[in-house]
């Protein structure tokens, strides 16, 4: 990766930059904003609407731009500030917020994340039942790393530090389905 990505998962930022480069045939470092909108709304229509992509670009300081410097966008995405509690001010963590904010976080962010993670387990079971070869049953390493990264981000906002323990049981259940794990936890 030619762009210095911040954070513990910098390699994912590099993957994203390479993916955007595929959409940049002129190799000028930019792609039209409408292409970013099309990509996000096509890949994940349940979570991305055009106005949300506009808000994302606006937050990244690229609102109103017809072409977006994708390296700058990805750098901005991977440098988003964590919960201030990680720096010692626990009053800004969600668990210290109002009951309404806690309920909003749980309903709009945590529960959808858990549903997505459980969906990966269900898809793993379906692949096993459908006779996929053993090495095709589990989600990709990238998918699992992204789940862990998302979990870390959410738990850091809730607690002030990232925790991935909620994924441990899920990963163990998935591993039981892959056909070559040496253990079963039932």
Protein backbone atom coordinates (compact mmCIF):
# COMPACT_ATOMS: atom_id res chain seq x y z
CA UNK A 1 0.00 0.00 0.00
CA UNK A 2 1.44 3.39 -0.97
CA UNK A 3 -0.78 5.31 1.45
CA UNK A 4 0.12 5.29 5.14
CA UNK A 5 -3.00 4.02 6.87
CA UNK A 6 -3.46 4.68 10.58
CA UNK A 7 -4.74 2.16 13.09
CA UNK A 8 -4.38 -1.53 13.86
CA UNK A 9 -6.19 -2.68 10.70
CA UNK A 10 -4.29 -0.61 8.16
CA UNK A 11 -4.15 -3.51 5.70
CA UNK A 12 -7.93 -3.23 5.22
CA UNK A 13 -7.50 0.40 4.22
CA UNK A 14 -4.94 -0.69 1.65
CA UNK A 15 -7.38 -3.26 0.26
CA UNK A 16 -9.99 -0.54 -0.04
CA UNK A 17 -7.62 1.83 -1.84
CA UNK A 18 -6.72 -0.96 -4.30
CA UNK A 19 -10.43 -1.63 -4.88
CA UNK A 20 -11.06 2.06 -5.60
CA UNK A 21 -8.06 2.06 -7.99
CA UNK A 22 -9.94 -0.53 -10.05
CA UNK A 23 -12.62 2.14 -10.55
CA UNK A 24 -10.02 4.71 -11.62
CA UNK A 25 -9.01 3.69 -15.17
CA UNK A 26 -7.18 6.98 -15.72
CA UNK A 27 -5.09 6.33 -12.57
CA UNK A 28 -5.52 9.94 -11.47
CA UNK A 29 -6.27 9.13 -7.82
CA UNK A 30 -9.88 10.25 -7.95
CA UNK A 31 -13.21 8.75 -8.86
CA UNK A 32 -16.57 10.47 -9.35
CA UNK A 33 -18.58 10.90 -6.15
CA UNK A 34 -21.53 9.20 -7.84
CA UNK A 35 -19.38 6.08 -8.31
CA UNK A 36 -18.76 5.93 -4.54
CA UNK A 37 -22.49 6.33 -4.03
CA UNK A 38 -23.23 3.58 -6.53
CA UNK A 39 -20.68 1.20 -4.98
CA UNK A 40 -21.89 1.65 -1.40
CA UNK A 41 -25.60 1.56 -2.22
CA UNK A 42 -25.12 -1.52 -4.42
CA UNK A 43 -22.92 -3.48 -2.02
CA UNK A 44 -25.03 -2.74 1.06
CA UNK A 45 -28.39 -1.20 0.12
CA UNK A 46 -29.85 -1.93 3.56
CA UNK A 47 -27.30 0.32 5.25
CA UNK A 48 -26.36 2.87 2.58
CA UNK A 49 -28.66 5.37 0.90
CA UNK A 50 -27.45 8.15 -1.40
CA UNK A 51 -28.03 10.84 1.24
CA UNK A 52 -25.93 8.84 3.75
CA UNK A 53 -23.04 8.68 1.29
CA UNK A 54 -23.40 12.45 0.87
CA UNK A 55 -23.21 12.83 4.67
CA UNK A 56 -20.14 10.58 4.76
CA UNK A 57 -18.39 12.67 2.12
CA UNK A 58 -19.43 15.87 3.88
CA UNK A 59 -18.01 14.57 7.17
CA UNK A 60 -14.77 13.71 5.39
CA UNK A 61 -14.52 17.28 4.08
CA UNK A 62 -15.40 16.23 0.53
CA UNK A 63 -19.01 17.34 0.36
CA UNK A 64 -20.00 18.83 -2.95
CA UNK A 65 -16.94 17.47 -4.73
CA UNK A 66 -17.65 15.88 -8.09
CA UNK A 67 -14.50 13.76 -7.85
CA UNK A 68 -13.22 12.24 -4.63
CA UNK A 69 -9.58 11.54 -3.79
CA UNK A 70 -10.11 7.97 -2.63
CA UNK A 71 -6.79 7.71 -0.76
CA UNK A 72 -7.76 10.74 1.33
CA UNK A 73 -11.24 9.31 1.91
CA UNK A 74 -9.88 5.95 3.06
CA UNK A 75 -7.27 7.63 5.26
CA UNK A 76 -10.05 9.69 6.85
CA UNK A 77 -12.20 6.58 7.36
CA UNK A 78 -9.38 4.74 9.10
CA UNK A 79 -8.39 7.67 11.28
CA UNK A 80 -11.81 8.29 12.84
CA UNK A 81 -11.34 9.09 16.51
CA UNK A 82 -12.28 6.42 19.05
CA UNK A 83 -14.38 7.04 22.14
CA UNK A 84 -12.77 9.83 24.15
CA UNK A 85 -13.00 7.52 27.17
CA UNK A 86 -10.03 5.65 25.78
CA UNK A 87 -8.13 8.80 26.65
CA UNK A 88 -9.53 8.90 30.19
CA UNK A 89 -12.90 10.66 30.00
CA UNK A 90 -15.42 7.86 30.64
CA UNK A 91 -18.35 10.29 30.70
CA UNK A 92 -18.53 10.26 26.91
CA UNK A 93 -18.90 6.49 26.56
CA UNK A 94 -22.33 5.32 25.54
CA UNK A 95 -22.76 3.24 28.71
CA UNK A 96 -22.42 6.50 30.66
CA UNK A 97 -24.94 8.32 28.45
CA UNK A 98 -28.65 8.82 28.92
CA UNK A 99 -30.95 5.82 28.86
CA UNK A 100 -32.37 7.05 25.56
CA UNK A 101 -28.89 7.17 23.99
CA UNK A 102 -28.05 3.71 25.34
CA UNK A 103 -31.27 2.31 23.88
CA UNK A 104 -30.63 4.04 20.55
CA UNK A 105 -27.10 2.61 20.39
CA UNK A 106 -28.30 -0.90 21.23
CA UNK A 107 -31.21 -0.80 18.77
CA UNK A 108 -29.53 0.98 15.87
CA UNK A 109 -25.92 -0.18 16.13
CA UNK A 110 -25.29 -3.13 18.48
CA UNK A 111 -28.28 -5.34 17.64
CA UNK A 112 -27.81 -4.94 13.86
CA UNK A 113 -24.12 -5.86 14.31
CA UNK A 114 -25.04 -8.98 16.31
CA UNK A 115 -27.65 -9.89 13.67
CA UNK A 116 -25.02 -9.52 10.94
CA UNK A 117 -22.56 -11.68 12.89
CA UNK A 118 -25.23 -14.34 13.52
CA UNK A 119 -26.09 -14.16 9.81
CA UNK A 120 -22.52 -15.18 9.02
CA UNK A 121 -22.97 -18.19 11.29
CA UNK A 122 -26.21 -19.10 9.51
CA UNK A 123 -24.52 -18.78 6.11
CA UNK A 124 -21.67 -20.98 7.38
CA UNK A 125 -24.19 -23.64 8.40
CA UNK A 126 -25.92 -23.38 5.01
CA UNK A 127 -22.63 -23.82 3.19
CA UNK A 128 -21.92 -26.93 5.30
CA UNK A 129 -25.40 -28.33 4.60
CA UNK A 130 -25.03 -27.58 0.89
CA UNK A 131 -21.90 -29.70 0.64
CA UNK A 132 -19.30 -26.98 0.13
CA UNK A 133 -15.73 -28.24 0.47
CA UNK A 134 -14.25 -27.88 3.95
CA UNK A 135 -12.09 -24.87 3.09
CA UNK A 136 -15.11 -22.97 1.65
CA UNK A 137 -17.40 -23.27 4.66
CA UNK A 138 -16.05 -20.56 6.96
CA UNK A 139 -16.27 -16.88 6.05
CA UNK A 140 -13.07 -15.40 4.64
CA UNK A 141 -10.33 -14.16 6.94
CA UNK A 142 -11.10 -10.65 5.71
CA UNK A 143 -14.77 -11.01 6.68
CA UNK A 144 -13.85 -12.31 10.14
CA UNK A 145 -11.29 -9.53 10.62
CA UNK A 146 -13.84 -6.91 9.59
CA UNK A 147 -16.36 -8.36 12.06
CA UNK A 148 -13.74 -8.15 14.79
CA UNK A 149 -12.83 -4.60 13.76
CA UNK A 150 -16.48 -3.52 13.83
CA UNK A 151 -16.95 -5.22 17.20
CA UNK A 152 -13.89 -3.43 18.58
CA UNK A 153 -15.20 -0.07 17.35
CA UNK A 154 -18.66 -0.60 18.85
CA UNK A 155 -17.41 -1.89 22.19
CA UNK A 156 -14.87 0.90 22.39
CA UNK A 157 -17.70 3.40 22.00
CA UNK A 158 -19.76 1.59 24.63
CA UNK A 159 -17.04 0.80 27.21
CA UNK A 160 -14.15 3.06 26.29
CA UNK A 161 -12.04 0.10 25.17
CA UNK A 162 -12.53 -2.48 22.46
CA UNK A 163 -13.52 -6.04 23.36
CA UNK A 164 -14.13 -8.90 20.92
CA UNK A 165 -15.22 -11.59 23.36
CA UNK A 166 -18.76 -11.57 21.98
CA UNK A 167 -17.34 -13.03 18.76
CA UNK A 168 -15.49 -15.87 20.46
CA UNK A 169 -18.52 -18.15 20.82
CA UNK A 170 -19.66 -17.30 17.31
CA UNK A 171 -16.25 -18.18 15.85
CA UNK A 172 -16.18 -21.44 17.81
CA UNK A 173 -19.63 -22.37 16.47
CA UNK A 174 -18.41 -21.64 12.96
CA UNK A 175 -15.29 -23.71 13.51
CA UNK A 176 -17.41 -26.71 14.50
CA UNK A 177 -18.94 -26.60 11.02
CA UNK A 178 -15.79 -26.45 8.93
CA UNK A 179 -15.16 -30.22 8.86
CA UNK A 180 -11.59 -30.17 10.06
CA UNK A 181 -11.49 -28.40 13.43
CA UNK A 182 -10.20 -30.75 16.12
CA UNK A 183 -12.83 -29.87 18.71
CA UNK A 184 -16.55 -29.65 19.33
CA UNK A 185 -18.01 -27.62 22.19
CA UNK A 186 -21.38 -29.31 22.65
